């Protein structure tokens, strides 16, 4: 009975929170701060490092014990993202618990009145504090994990707070070349609103996996995002067509064109060595930010990782548009290594 009630609750949540992009609050929760994840397309879900726990709690395991990560992303419009993540093995019976903090600083913004007259500046910031745990279902290779997040957002003198959960289920067998997972992110509630209007959180259902190519130092990563809704595409103004008589049209996006916009692909070369090279491609970002007049390479990501004893340095470059890009840096410290 308890199991059935839980399933009904999840289905109800999916149905009620499948919202159109741009109409949610706390959207910073959907931006990755891990350089390794960013380099592989942005939404990779089956990485076995301590940063992955912030996105998929079902990946929390003993390999993350005593790992501490510091991440920084120089995002669009001079927005600064930062995050911390740490995992600790408690006991053989209990397993591993993970904690994390994600912070966003939007810098100084120009304040103006209703007529557009500048009245000064103000600041805005977001922060989320999370704790996660995963459980290995007995006699299986299935891991069920959950994150609980406390969220706070401040815009000038206005404040909003919220609560959210992430749930994940992963199949992890070290003897198999593949991994698979399904994740439900940001199931939650806006407790305090900015202006008495309650907004939904950026709820998302994702399906991810990876495959290690035999006899080749290459691992592929695949993610299908926003599975809670089918139509995820937005029209690109660059695709606008003007007819001879001055009429403006933009072909609607349907079928396979929309389906592929759920797809994110990544590739990691030399994944088991101390030096890694990573590439990624976000189909939706590429189609919606491209320019027909020039090659922009929007949607492409790249990066690398270097391991030095107890320290791992990761870097990612994300191409959005000719006018702007994003750079992400991560340091992962293995505190269990002797001599640290």
Protein backbone atom coordinates (compact mmCIF):
# COMPACT_ATOMS: atom_id res chain seq x y z
CA UNK A 1 0.00 0.00 0.00
CA UNK A 2 2.82 2.42 0.87
CA UNK A 3 4.56 1.65 -2.42
CA UNK A 4 1.37 2.29 -4.43
CA UNK A 5 0.79 5.59 -2.63
CA UNK A 6 4.35 6.71 -3.45
CA UNK A 7 3.93 5.86 -7.15
CA UNK A 8 0.61 7.73 -7.31
CA UNK A 9 2.27 10.75 -5.65
CA UNK A 10 5.10 10.78 -8.22
CA UNK A 11 2.71 10.48 -11.17
CA UNK A 12 0.56 13.30 -9.81
CA UNK A 13 3.65 15.47 -9.35
CA UNK A 14 4.82 14.83 -12.92
CA UNK A 15 1.42 15.70 -14.35
CA UNK A 16 0.98 18.85 -12.29
CA UNK A 17 4.48 20.28 -12.72
CA UNK A 18 5.18 19.70 -16.42
CA UNK A 19 5.45 23.41 -17.24
CA UNK A 20 6.67 25.38 -20.24
CA UNK A 21 10.25 26.65 -19.96
CA UNK A 22 10.64 30.23 -18.73
CA UNK A 23 7.66 30.10 -16.39
CA UNK A 24 9.40 28.68 -13.32
CA UNK A 25 11.22 30.02 -10.30
CA UNK A 26 14.71 28.97 -9.12
CA UNK A 27 15.87 28.20 -12.67
CA UNK A 28 19.50 28.31 -11.51
CA UNK A 29 18.98 24.71 -10.34
CA UNK A 30 19.06 23.62 -14.01
CA UNK A 31 22.55 25.00 -14.74
CA UNK A 32 25.42 22.53 -14.19
CA UNK A 33 28.42 23.80 -12.22
CA UNK A 34 30.66 20.74 -12.70
CA UNK A 35 33.28 21.20 -15.43
CA UNK A 36 33.24 17.52 -16.34
CA UNK A 37 29.47 17.48 -16.70
CA UNK A 38 29.48 20.76 -18.64
CA UNK A 39 32.13 19.49 -21.08
CA UNK A 40 30.01 16.42 -21.88
CA UNK A 41 26.99 18.46 -22.96
CA UNK A 42 25.67 19.81 -19.68
CA UNK A 43 23.29 17.15 -18.35
CA UNK A 44 25.32 13.94 -18.05
CA UNK A 45 23.88 11.77 -15.27
CA UNK A 46 26.12 8.72 -14.73
CA UNK A 47 29.46 10.19 -13.70
CA UNK A 48 30.98 8.64 -10.59
CA UNK A 49 32.43 11.75 -8.98
CA UNK A 50 31.21 13.79 -6.03
CA UNK A 51 29.82 16.62 -8.21
CA UNK A 52 27.40 14.26 -9.92
CA UNK A 53 25.51 13.82 -6.65
CA UNK A 54 24.15 17.36 -7.02
CA UNK A 55 22.27 16.24 -10.14
CA UNK A 56 21.69 12.53 -9.63
CA UNK A 57 21.63 11.26 -6.03
CA UNK A 58 21.44 7.65 -7.24
CA UNK A 59 25.15 7.92 -8.15
CA UNK A 60 26.21 8.49 -4.54
CA UNK A 61 28.51 5.63 -3.56
CA UNK A 62 31.66 4.58 -1.75
CA UNK A 63 33.89 5.81 -4.60
CA UNK A 64 32.98 9.35 -3.52
CA UNK A 65 34.10 8.87 0.08
CA UNK A 66 36.14 11.82 1.37
CA UNK A 67 35.97 13.66 -1.95
CA UNK A 68 35.56 17.43 -1.79
CA UNK A 69 34.84 19.52 -4.90
CA UNK A 70 34.98 23.24 -5.57
CA UNK A 71 33.42 24.52 -8.81
CA UNK A 72 33.22 27.88 -10.54
CA UNK A 73 31.36 28.83 -13.73
CA UNK A 74 31.72 32.14 -15.51
CA UNK A 75 28.27 32.18 -17.07
CA UNK A 76 26.44 34.44 -19.50
CA UNK A 77 26.19 38.21 -18.88
CA UNK A 78 28.93 38.08 -16.21
CA UNK A 79 26.83 35.87 -13.93
CA UNK A 80 28.98 33.84 -11.53
CA UNK A 81 28.06 30.33 -10.40
CA UNK A 82 29.81 28.41 -7.66
CA UNK A 83 29.24 25.12 -5.87
CA UNK A 84 30.74 22.87 -3.22
CA UNK A 85 30.20 19.14 -2.80
CA UNK A 86 31.45 16.67 -0.20
CA UNK A 87 30.72 12.97 0.46
CA UNK A 88 31.46 10.93 3.59
CA UNK A 89 31.28 7.19 4.15
CA UNK A 90 29.46 6.73 7.46
CA UNK A 91 29.46 2.96 7.97
CA UNK A 92 29.13 -0.27 6.04
CA UNK A 93 25.54 -0.55 7.16
CA UNK A 94 24.53 3.06 6.43
CA UNK A 95 26.67 3.88 3.40
CA UNK A 96 27.60 7.33 2.10
CA UNK A 97 25.98 10.71 2.70
CA UNK A 98 26.65 13.76 0.52
CA UNK A 99 26.17 17.48 1.05
CA UNK A 100 26.37 20.40 -1.36
CA UNK A 101 25.93 24.14 -1.81
CA UNK A 102 25.15 25.95 -5.07
CA UNK A 103 25.46 29.74 -5.20
CA UNK A 104 24.75 32.32 -7.93
CA UNK A 105 25.82 35.96 -7.92
CA UNK A 106 24.14 38.10 -10.59
CA UNK A 107 26.29 41.14 -9.81
CA UNK A 108 25.04 44.72 -9.84
CA UNK A 109 21.87 45.31 -11.84
CA UNK A 110 20.43 48.65 -12.97
CA UNK A 111 17.24 49.70 -11.18
CA UNK A 112 14.66 51.78 -13.05
CA UNK A 113 11.15 53.12 -12.47
CA UNK A 114 8.08 52.44 -14.60
CA UNK A 115 9.09 55.16 -17.08
CA UNK A 116 12.54 53.65 -17.55
CA UNK A 117 14.42 56.25 -15.56
CA UNK A 118 17.43 54.77 -13.77
CA UNK A 119 17.18 54.95 -9.99
CA UNK A 120 20.40 53.25 -9.00
CA UNK A 121 21.56 49.65 -8.74
CA UNK A 122 20.60 46.54 -6.84
CA UNK A 123 21.93 43.01 -6.32
CA UNK A 124 20.47 39.56 -6.77
CA UNK A 125 21.65 36.11 -5.67
CA UNK A 126 20.45 32.50 -5.39
CA UNK A 127 21.58 29.73 -3.07
CA UNK A 128 20.63 26.08 -2.55
CA UNK A 129 21.85 23.79 0.24
CA UNK A 130 21.36 20.07 -0.31
CA UNK A 131 21.92 16.71 1.35
CA UNK A 132 21.76 13.41 -0.51
CA UNK A 133 21.79 9.69 0.11
CA UNK A 134 21.63 6.54 -2.04
CA UNK A 135 20.61 3.00 -1.16
CA UNK A 136 21.65 -0.20 -2.93
CA UNK A 137 18.58 -2.40 -3.32
CA UNK A 138 19.64 -5.79 -1.87
CA UNK A 139 20.84 -8.48 -4.30
CA UNK A 140 20.59 -6.10 -7.29
CA UNK A 141 22.71 -3.57 -9.15
CA UNK A 142 20.01 -0.94 -8.65
CA UNK A 143 20.65 2.17 -6.56
CA UNK A 144 17.88 4.49 -5.39
CA UNK A 145 18.91 7.98 -4.29
CA UNK A 146 17.31 11.19 -3.04
CA UNK A 147 18.41 14.79 -2.53
CA UNK A 148 16.68 17.32 -0.29
CA UNK A 149 17.28 21.00 -1.07
CA UNK A 150 16.64 24.24 0.80
CA UNK A 151 16.46 27.11 -1.70
CA UNK A 152 16.68 30.87 -1.24
CA UNK A 153 16.53 33.65 -3.83
CA UNK A 154 16.97 37.39 -3.26
CA UNK A 155 16.24 40.19 -5.75
CA UNK A 156 16.89 43.59 -4.18
CA UNK A 157 14.53 43.71 -1.17
CA UNK A 158 12.42 40.76 -2.31
CA UNK A 159 13.03 37.23 -1.05
CA UNK A 160 11.67 33.82 -1.99
CA UNK A 161 12.33 30.44 -0.37
CA UNK A 162 11.55 26.90 -1.43
CA UNK A 163 11.98 23.20 -0.81
CA UNK A 164 12.80 20.57 -3.42
CA UNK A 165 13.64 16.89 -3.85
CA UNK A 166 15.56 14.96 -6.50
CA UNK A 167 14.96 11.23 -6.97
CA UNK A 168 17.12 8.90 -9.02
CA UNK A 169 17.29 5.21 -9.89
CA UNK A 170 20.51 3.87 -11.43
CA UNK A 171 21.75 0.53 -12.77
CA UNK A 172 25.46 0.21 -11.98
CA UNK A 173 27.40 -3.01 -12.60
CA UNK A 174 31.17 -2.64 -12.81
CA UNK A 175 31.36 -5.81 -14.92
CA UNK A 176 29.13 -4.32 -17.63
CA UNK A 177 30.23 -1.68 -20.19
CA UNK A 178 27.06 0.33 -19.73
CA UNK A 179 25.28 2.33 -17.03
CA UNK A 180 21.72 3.67 -17.02
CA UNK A 181 19.63 5.97 -14.86
CA UNK A 182 16.36 7.86 -14.61
CA UNK A 183 16.17 11.07 -12.57
CA UNK A 184 13.31 13.28 -11.39
CA UNK A 185 14.72 16.69 -10.46
CA UNK A 186 13.31 19.65 -8.54
CA UNK A 187 10.08 18.21 -7.22
CA UNK A 188 9.19 20.95 -4.79
CA UNK A 189 7.28 23.95 -3.59
CA UNK A 190 7.85 27.70 -3.40
CA UNK A 191 7.22 28.41 0.27
CA UNK A 192 7.61 32.20 0.21
CA UNK A 193 6.85 34.10 -3.00
CA UNK A 194 8.29 37.32 -4.41
CA UNK A 195 4.97 39.08 -5.06
CA UNK A 196 2.19 36.80 -3.76
CA UNK A 197 2.22 34.78 -7.00
CA UNK A 198 3.38 31.20 -6.46
CA UNK A 199 5.45 29.80 -9.33
CA UNK A 200 6.41 26.18 -10.16
CA UNK A 201 9.96 24.93 -9.82
CA UNK A 202 11.93 23.77 -12.92
CA UNK A 203 10.80 20.15 -12.60
CA UNK A 204 12.43 17.79 -15.08
CA UNK A 205 12.51 14.08 -15.91
CA UNK A 206 15.75 12.82 -17.45
CA UNK A 207 16.93 9.48 -18.79
CA UNK A 208 20.67 8.94 -19.09
CA UNK A 209 23.28 6.31 -19.78
CA UNK A 210 26.84 5.62 -20.85
CA UNK A 211 28.68 2.94 -22.81
CA UNK A 212 32.36 1.99 -22.64
CA UNK A 213 33.62 1.00 -26.10
CA UNK A 214 35.49 -2.32 -26.10
CA UNK A 215 39.24 -2.15 -26.73
CA UNK A 216 39.05 1.63 -27.21
CA UNK A 217 39.69 4.28 -24.49
CA UNK A 218 36.35 5.95 -25.16
CA UNK A 219 33.10 6.21 -23.22
CA UNK A 220 29.90 7.57 -24.77
CA UNK A 221 27.26 9.43 -22.75
CA UNK A 222 23.63 9.92 -23.72
CA UNK A 223 20.90 11.97 -22.04
CA UNK A 224 17.25 12.58 -22.90
CA UNK A 225 16.05 15.65 -21.01
CA UNK A 226 12.65 17.23 -20.34
CA UNK A 227 10.78 13.95 -20.78
CA UNK A 228 7.87 15.36 -18.74
CA UNK A 229 6.76 17.23 -21.88
CA UNK A 230 7.02 16.45 -25.56
CA UNK A 231 7.15 19.90 -27.18
CA UNK A 232 10.34 21.53 -25.91
CA UNK A 233 11.35 23.52 -28.96
CA UNK A 234 11.26 27.27 -29.36
CA UNK A 235 11.33 29.07 -32.70
CA UNK A 236 14.67 30.56 -33.72
CA UNK A 237 14.30 34.11 -35.13
CA UNK A 238 17.20 33.28 -37.46
CA UNK A 239 14.90 30.80 -39.26
CA UNK A 240 12.33 33.49 -40.08
CA UNK A 241 11.40 33.66 -43.77
CA UNK A 242 10.15 36.79 -45.53
CA UNK A 243 7.98 36.29 -48.60
CA UNK A 244 7.97 38.46 -51.74
CA UNK A 245 4.97 40.46 -50.50
CA UNK A 246 6.57 41.11 -47.08
CA UNK A 247 4.87 38.32 -45.15
CA UNK A 248 6.86 36.82 -42.27
CA UNK A 249 6.72 33.11 -41.41
CA UNK A 250 8.59 30.68 -39.21
CA UNK A 251 8.10 26.97 -39.84
CA UNK A 252 6.65 25.13 -36.84
CA UNK A 253 8.89 22.52 -35.24
CA UNK A 254 7.39 19.04 -35.25
CA UNK A 255 8.18 15.33 -35.32
CA UNK A 256 11.81 14.26 -35.40
CA UNK A 257 13.10 17.83 -35.26
CA UNK A 258 11.45 18.28 -31.88
CA UNK A 259 12.35 14.76 -30.71
CA UNK A 260 16.08 15.25 -31.30
CA UNK A 261 15.98 18.42 -29.19
CA UNK A 262 15.66 16.21 -26.12
CA UNK A 263 19.05 14.64 -26.92
CA UNK A 264 22.46 15.47 -25.45
CA UNK A 265 25.56 13.48 -26.46
CA UNK A 266 28.99 13.37 -24.85
CA UNK A 267 32.25 11.52 -25.39
CA UNK A 268 35.14 11.07 -22.96
CA UNK A 269 38.51 9.91 -24.27
CA UNK A 270 40.90 8.04 -21.94
CA UNK A 271 38.29 7.92 -19.13
CA UNK A 272 40.36 5.63 -16.90
CA UNK A 273 43.64 7.55 -17.11
CA UNK A 274 45.00 10.66 -15.39
CA UNK A 275 44.33 12.80 -18.45
CA UNK A 276 40.92 12.98 -20.15
CA UNK A 277 39.56 14.82 -23.18
CA UNK A 278 35.81 15.50 -23.39
CA UNK A 279 33.38 16.64 -26.08
CA UNK A 280 29.64 17.22 -26.00
CA UNK A 281 26.73 18.37 -28.14
CA UNK A 282 23.41 19.78 -26.96
CA UNK A 283 21.00 19.50 -29.90
CA UNK A 284 18.35 21.87 -28.54
CA UNK A 285 20.86 24.60 -27.72
CA UNK A 286 22.47 24.22 -31.15
CA UNK A 287 19.20 24.58 -33.06
CA UNK A 288 17.74 27.43 -31.04
CA UNK A 289 20.89 29.59 -30.90
CA UNK A 290 22.26 29.04 -34.40
CA UNK A 291 22.52 31.76 -37.05
CA UNK A 292 21.73 30.95 -40.67
CA UNK A 293 24.14 33.64 -41.88
CA UNK A 294 27.25 32.16 -40.25
CA UNK A 295 28.60 29.07 -38.53
CA UNK A 296 28.35 29.62 -34.76
CA UNK A 297 29.10 26.13 -33.33
CA UNK A 298 26.35 26.73 -30.75
CA UNK A 299 25.63 23.66 -28.65
CA UNK A 300 29.19 22.35 -28.71
CA UNK A 301 31.10 21.79 -25.49
CA UNK A 302 34.65 20.65 -24.82
CA UNK A 303 37.03 20.22 -21.93
CA UNK A 304 39.70 18.19 -20.26
CA UNK A 305 40.70 16.76 -16.90
CA UNK A 306 44.10 16.29 -15.26
CA UNK A 307 44.70 14.19 -12.15
CA UNK A 308 47.70 14.90 -9.92
CA UNK A 309 47.90 12.53 -6.94
CA UNK A 310 45.14 13.75 -4.61
CA UNK A 311 43.90 16.57 -6.89
CA UNK A 312 41.80 16.50 -10.07
CA UNK A 313 41.45 19.64 -12.21
CA UNK A 314 38.64 19.83 -14.78
CA UNK A 315 37.88 22.55 -17.32
CA UNK A 316 34.95 23.03 -19.72
CA UNK A 317 34.19 25.45 -22.54
CA UNK A 318 30.53 25.78 -23.56
CA UNK A 319 29.57 27.49 -26.81
CA UNK A 320 26.26 29.32 -26.69
CA UNK A 321 26.39 32.13 -29.24
CA UNK A 322 28.99 34.24 -31.12
CA UNK A 323 28.41 36.96 -28.52
CA UNK A 324 29.06 34.85 -25.43
CA UNK A 325 30.46 31.59 -24.08
CA UNK A 326 30.76 29.96 -20.65
CA UNK A 327 33.86 28.65 -18.88
CA UNK A 328 33.70 26.19 -15.99
CA UNK A 329 36.48 25.16 -13.60
CA UNK A 330 36.45 22.34 -11.03
CA UNK A 331 38.88 21.13 -8.39
CA UNK A 332 38.23 17.73 -6.77
CA UNK A 333 40.28 16.87 -3.69
CA UNK A 334 40.69 13.26 -2.56
CA UNK A 335 41.03 13.83 1.19
CA UNK A 336 41.55 10.11 1.86
CA UNK A 337 44.90 10.02 0.06
CA UNK A 338 47.90 9.92 2.37
CA UNK A 339 50.01 13.04 2.31
CA UNK A 340 47.14 15.40 1.61
